[in-house]
Amino acid sequence: MDIKLWREILDPYYLAVDELLVKFNHIIREHRNYNQYSPIDTVIGRVKSISSILDKVQKKGISLNEIEDKIDDIAGIRIICQFVEDIDKVVEIIRNRKDMRIKSEKDYISHMKESGYRSYHIIVYYTVNTNQGPKEIKAELQIRTLAMNFWATIEHSLQYKYKDNIPEHLKKKLSNASEAIIVLDEEMNYVRDEIMDAQNSFHMKDELVSEILNNIQNLYKVANKREVMKIQEEFYRIYTESDLDELKHYSKQLDMIAQSYKAQSILEGN
């Protein structure tokens, strides 16, 4: 198969990965905009390389003409969660979406692979609009925790190096590491609420600071410079004290000041 044909086959998959990344990242942003904890921490995506596709073709004994029918993970999205409990929430989000439909699900968390691999896999049908018209393709969504992802990345590298024949002593090390990761994920669940509170506070503070600085910047255009400098100094004082409640109160006061100048400018315009 020449390079041109490979490009024609793979282009819709690149488009699908780009669109799915945007959609899952929007889920993260939407949760944070409403000061809600996002069950998705990060999202990454890839289209399988030609060499990886050829390796799979050889391993599965399929022809090049069967690639799109027989290989489900040409497009891959990896959804990383902080906690095991978040995985079920992400799965439910995917099941409820109308822009993709599920072909199959595999739960390698409840039913861990012999190697120690743990992850939740969903194959979805997703439609992209190409120059040749709509095209429905398959994409694999892998949902796992940060710890599971670390283990899987290492195991994948070793599989690649040893051509799926990892030495027994390394298999044992991987198995031990997998058990340790199960314990780690369980321990992290015990402090989940504390971590979520800390992260929500951080995002809330970050948004407040952005709003405050935007207001101060706008005040420079309409208010006395010396007065604005005092406002800015007060902000830095509150910020360094890391008092979120006082920062909220200060933000509301600043909103009122900004509104008064806005009202004044309207009256002067009349």
Protein backbone atom coordinates (compact mmCIF):
# COMPACT_ATOMS: atom_id res chain seq x y z
CA MET A 1 0.00 0.00 0.00
CA ASP A 2 1.52 3.35 -1.01
CA ILE A 3 1.88 6.42 1.23
CA LYS A 4 -1.02 8.23 -0.48
CA LEU A 5 -3.46 5.44 0.37
CA TRP A 6 -2.24 5.31 3.98
CA ARG A 7 -2.92 9.05 4.26
CA GLU A 8 -6.42 8.63 2.84
CA ILE A 9 -7.15 5.88 5.37
CA LEU A 10 -5.64 7.62 8.42
CA ASP A 11 -6.76 11.24 7.84
CA PRO A 12 -10.31 10.70 9.23
CA TYR A 13 -8.79 9.08 12.33
CA TYR A 14 -6.60 12.13 12.95
CA LEU A 15 -9.71 14.29 12.62
CA ALA A 16 -11.60 12.05 15.07
CA VAL A 17 -8.80 12.21 17.64
CA ASP A 18 -8.63 16.02 17.37
CA GLU A 19 -12.40 16.37 17.83
CA LEU A 20 -12.61 13.89 20.72
CA LEU A 21 -9.76 15.64 22.54
CA VAL A 22 -11.62 18.95 22.25
CA LYS A 23 -14.84 17.38 23.57
CA PHE A 24 -13.29 15.62 26.56
CA ASN A 25 -11.20 18.66 27.45
CA HIS A 26 -14.41 20.70 27.34
CA ILE A 27 -15.89 18.35 29.96
CA ILE A 28 -12.94 19.20 32.23
CA ARG A 29 -13.32 22.93 31.60
CA GLU A 30 -17.10 22.87 32.08
CA HIS A 31 -16.79 21.21 35.50
CA ARG A 32 -14.16 23.71 36.62
CA ASN A 33 -16.12 26.70 35.32
CA TYR A 34 -18.92 25.68 37.70
CA ASN A 35 -16.42 25.04 40.52
CA GLN A 36 -17.14 21.32 40.32
CA TYR A 37 -14.65 18.50 40.63
CA SER A 38 -13.88 16.95 37.22
CA PRO A 39 -13.69 13.14 37.14
CA ILE A 40 -11.35 13.58 34.15
CA ASP A 41 -7.90 14.88 35.02
CA THR A 42 -6.19 14.86 31.62
CA VAL A 43 -6.82 13.53 28.11
CA ILE A 44 -4.33 12.46 25.47
CA GLY A 45 -4.86 10.98 22.03
CA ARG A 46 -3.01 9.35 19.18
CA VAL A 47 -3.48 7.69 15.82
CA LYS A 48 -1.73 4.33 15.55
CA SER A 49 1.49 4.57 13.51
CA ILE A 50 1.74 2.69 10.23
CA SER A 51 4.41 0.40 11.69
CA SER A 52 2.17 -0.43 14.68
CA ILE A 53 -0.74 -1.16 12.33
CA LEU A 54 1.47 -3.44 10.24
CA ASP A 55 2.65 -5.24 13.40
CA LYS A 56 -0.99 -5.83 14.38
CA VAL A 57 -1.89 -6.98 10.86
CA GLN A 58 0.90 -9.55 11.03
CA LYS A 59 0.05 -10.64 14.59
CA LYS A 60 -3.68 -11.06 13.87
CA GLY A 61 -3.19 -12.55 10.41
CA ILE A 62 -5.47 -10.09 8.64
CA SER A 63 -5.12 -8.52 5.20
CA LEU A 64 -4.42 -4.83 4.57
CA ASN A 65 -7.93 -4.50 3.10
CA GLU A 66 -9.42 -5.52 6.48
CA ILE A 67 -7.59 -2.92 8.56
CA GLU A 68 -10.56 -0.66 9.28
CA ASP A 69 -12.93 -3.57 9.90
CA LYS A 70 -10.68 -5.69 12.10
CA ILE A 71 -8.64 -3.10 14.06
CA ASP A 72 -10.61 -1.11 16.63
CA ASP A 73 -7.86 1.10 18.05
CA ILE A 74 -6.45 2.98 15.06
CA ALA A 75 -7.77 6.08 16.85
CA GLY A 76 -7.04 6.03 20.57
CA ILE A 77 -8.03 8.36 23.39
CA ARG A 78 -6.61 7.93 26.88
CA ILE A 79 -8.66 9.46 29.68
CA ILE A 80 -6.72 9.81 32.91
CA CYS A 81 -8.52 10.03 36.27
CA GLN A 82 -7.14 10.72 39.72
CA PHE A 83 -9.19 8.11 41.56
CA VAL A 84 -10.62 4.68 40.77
CA GLU A 85 -14.12 5.95 41.68
CA ASP A 86 -13.86 8.54 38.91
CA ILE A 87 -13.62 5.85 36.24
CA ASP A 88 -17.26 4.76 36.71
CA LYS A 89 -18.35 8.40 36.40
CA VAL A 90 -16.44 8.84 33.15
CA VAL A 91 -17.90 5.61 31.76
CA GLU A 92 -21.39 6.90 32.59
CA ILE A 93 -20.65 10.23 30.87
CA ILE A 94 -19.61 8.36 27.71
CA ARG A 95 -22.67 6.10 27.80
CA ASN A 96 -24.95 9.14 27.98
CA ARG A 97 -23.40 11.03 25.07
CA LYS A 98 -25.36 11.30 21.81
CA ASP A 99 -22.38 12.07 19.54
CA MET A 100 -20.86 8.58 19.84
CA ARG A 101 -22.26 5.11 20.24
CA ILE A 102 -20.70 2.22 22.06
CA LYS A 103 -19.63 -0.90 20.22
CA SER A 104 -18.10 -2.78 23.18
CA GLU A 105 -16.74 -2.43 26.71
CA LYS A 106 -13.98 -4.33 28.52
CA ASP A 107 -13.40 -3.95 32.24
CA TYR A 108 -9.78 -4.76 32.97
CA ILE A 109 -10.05 -3.15 36.41
CA SER A 110 -12.49 -5.61 37.95
CA HIS A 111 -10.96 -8.35 35.79
CA MET A 112 -7.27 -7.53 35.68
CA LYS A 113 -5.14 -9.08 32.94
CA GLU A 114 -2.67 -11.78 33.97
CA SER A 115 0.20 -9.35 33.33
CA GLY A 116 -1.20 -6.92 35.92
CA TYR A 117 -2.65 -4.52 33.34
CA ARG A 118 -5.67 -2.54 34.58
CA SER A 119 -7.81 -0.14 32.56
CA TYR A 120 -11.38 0.30 31.30
CA HIS A 121 -11.75 0.09 27.51
CA ILE A 122 -14.65 1.35 25.44
CA ILE A 123 -14.80 1.06 21.66
CA VAL A 124 -17.06 3.74 20.19
CA TYR A 125 -18.37 4.57 16.75
CA TYR A 126 -17.78 8.24 15.97
CA THR A 127 -18.71 10.15 12.81
CA VAL A 128 -16.41 12.74 11.25
CA ASN A 129 -17.20 15.02 8.33
CA THR A 130 -14.54 14.76 5.63
CA ASN A 131 -14.25 16.31 2.16
CA GLN A 132 -15.71 13.06 0.85
CA GLY A 133 -18.68 13.27 3.24
CA PRO A 134 -19.49 11.77 6.66
CA LYS A 135 -17.43 8.77 7.73
CA GLU A 136 -18.09 6.61 10.77
CA ILE A 137 -14.90 5.29 12.34
CA LYS A 138 -14.06 3.33 15.48
CA ALA A 139 -12.04 4.75 18.36
CA GLU A 140 -10.79 3.12 21.53
CA LEU A 141 -11.24 5.03 24.79
CA GLN A 142 -8.96 3.87 27.60
CA ILE A 143 -9.96 5.09 31.05
CA ARG A 144 -7.53 4.63 33.93
CA THR A 145 -5.99 6.30 36.96
CA LEU A 146 -2.67 8.12 36.97
CA ALA A 147 -1.06 5.16 38.73
CA MET A 148 -2.52 2.63 36.27
CA ASN A 149 -1.31 4.76 33.37
CA PHE A 150 2.23 4.88 34.76
CA TRP A 151 2.32 1.08 35.02
CA ALA A 152 0.79 0.56 31.55
CA THR A 153 3.27 2.97 29.93
CA ILE A 154 6.23 1.07 31.39
CA GLU A 155 4.75 -2.31 30.45
CA HIS A 156 4.07 -1.13 26.89
CA SER A 157 7.70 -0.01 26.50
CA LEU A 158 8.94 -3.39 27.70
CA GLN A 159 6.53 -5.23 25.37
CA TYR A 160 7.89 -3.18 22.47
CA LYS A 161 11.52 -3.87 23.45
CA TYR A 162 11.09 -7.62 23.94
CA LYS A 163 8.55 -8.17 21.13
CA ASP A 164 5.88 -9.49 23.55
CA ASN A 165 8.39 -11.88 25.16
CA ILE A 166 9.23 -10.10 28.40
CA PRO A 167 11.70 -12.12 30.54
CA GLU A 168 10.20 -13.87 33.55
CA HIS A 169 12.13 -11.82 36.11
CA LEU A 170 10.74 -8.58 34.60
CA LYS A 171 7.22 -10.04 34.49
CA LYS A 172 7.54 -10.71 38.23
CA LYS A 173 8.66 -7.13 38.85
CA LEU A 174 5.74 -5.81 36.81
CA SER A 175 3.32 -8.03 38.74
CA ASN A 176 4.68 -6.75 42.06
CA ALA A 177 4.42 -3.16 40.82
CA SER A 178 0.82 -3.76 39.73
CA GLU A 179 -0.10 -4.98 43.22
CA ALA A 180 1.58 -1.93 44.73
CA ILE A 181 -0.43 0.34 42.42
CA ILE A 182 -3.68 -1.30 43.54
CA VAL A 183 -2.74 -0.45 47.13
CA LEU A 184 -1.75 3.10 46.10
CA ASP A 185 -5.11 3.71 44.39
CA GLU A 186 -6.94 2.37 47.45
CA GLU A 187 -4.96 4.62 49.80
CA MET A 188 -5.60 7.67 47.59
CA ASN A 189 -9.33 6.99 47.76
CA TYR A 190 -9.18 7.41 51.55
CA VAL A 191 -7.96 11.01 51.15
CA ARG A 192 -10.07 11.75 48.07
CA ASP A 193 -12.36 14.31 49.73
CA GLU A 194 -9.41 16.27 51.16
CA ILE A 195 -7.67 16.33 47.77
CA MET A 196 -10.85 17.41 45.98
CA ASP A 197 -11.42 20.26 48.47
CA ALA A 198 -7.83 21.44 48.00
CA GLN A 199 -8.10 21.35 44.21
CA ASN A 200 -11.47 23.11 44.16
CA SER A 201 -10.04 25.84 46.40
CA PHE A 202 -7.08 26.24 44.06
CA HIS A 203 -9.28 26.58 40.95
CA MET A 204 -11.63 28.98 42.74
CA LYS A 205 -8.70 31.14 43.85
CA ASP A 206 -7.25 31.10 40.35
CA GLU A 207 -10.55 32.34 38.85
CA LEU A 208 -10.93 35.03 41.53
CA VAL A 209 -7.42 36.33 40.89
CA SER A 210 -8.10 36.49 37.13
CA GLU A 211 -11.34 38.45 37.70
CA ILE A 212 -9.67 40.83 40.17
CA LEU A 213 -6.71 41.57 37.90
CA ASN A 214 -9.07 42.13 34.97
CA ASN A 215 -11.07 44.65 37.04
CA ILE A 216 -7.89 46.43 38.17
CA GLN A 217 -6.66 46.63 34.60
CA ASN A 218 -9.98 48.18 33.51
CA LEU A 219 -9.87 50.65 36.40
CA TYR A 220 -6.54 51.99 35.14
CA LYS A 221 -8.46 53.32 32.12
CA VAL A 222 -11.06 55.29 34.08
CA ALA A 223 -9.90 55.87 37.68
CA ASN A 224 -7.25 57.95 39.38
CA LYS A 225 -3.89 56.16 39.05
CA ARG A 226 -2.99 56.66 42.73
CA GLU A 227 -6.32 55.19 43.82
CA VAL A 228 -5.83 52.17 41.57
CA MET A 229 -2.33 51.66 43.00
CA LYS A 230 -3.85 51.50 46.50
CA ILE A 231 -6.43 48.97 45.28
CA GLN A 232 -3.65 46.91 43.77
CA GLU A 233 -1.55 47.01 46.95
CA GLU A 234 -4.57 45.83 48.95
CA PHE A 235 -4.99 42.94 46.55
CA TYR A 236 -1.35 41.87 46.97
CA ARG A 237 -1.70 42.02 50.75
CA ILE A 238 -4.78 39.76 50.76
CA TYR A 239 -3.26 37.43 48.19
CA THR A 240 -0.08 36.86 50.21
CA GLU A 241 -2.17 36.00 53.27
CA SER A 242 -3.87 33.22 51.24
CA ASP A 243 -7.27 33.95 52.79
CA LEU A 244 -9.85 32.74 50.25
CA ASP A 245 -12.86 34.23 52.11
CA GLU A 246 -11.21 37.65 52.30
CA LEU A 247 -10.28 37.38 48.64
CA LYS A 248 -13.94 36.68 47.77
CA HIS A 249 -15.03 39.71 49.85
CA TYR A 250 -12.40 41.89 48.19
CA SER A 251 -13.52 40.73 44.73
CA LYS A 252 -17.14 41.74 45.48
CA GLN A 253 -16.01 45.17 46.71
CA LEU A 254 -13.92 45.63 43.58
CA ASP A 255 -16.92 44.70 41.42
CA MET A 256 -18.92 47.45 43.13
CA ILE A 257 -16.13 49.99 42.53
CA ALA A 258 -15.90 48.98 38.87
CA GLN A 259 -19.69 49.25 38.48
CA SER A 260 -19.71 52.73 40.02
CA TYR A 261 -17.11 53.96 37.54
CA LYS A 262 -19.05 52.35 34.71
CA ALA A 263 -22.26 54.09 35.82
CA GLN A 264 -20.36 57.37 36.18
CA SER A 265 -18.97 57.11 32.64
CA ILE A 266 -22.48 56.51 31.29
CA LEU A 267 -23.81 59.61 33.07
CA GLU A 268 -20.93 61.73 31.84
CA GLY A 269 -21.59 60.46 28.32
CA ASN A 270 -25.17 61.73 28.60
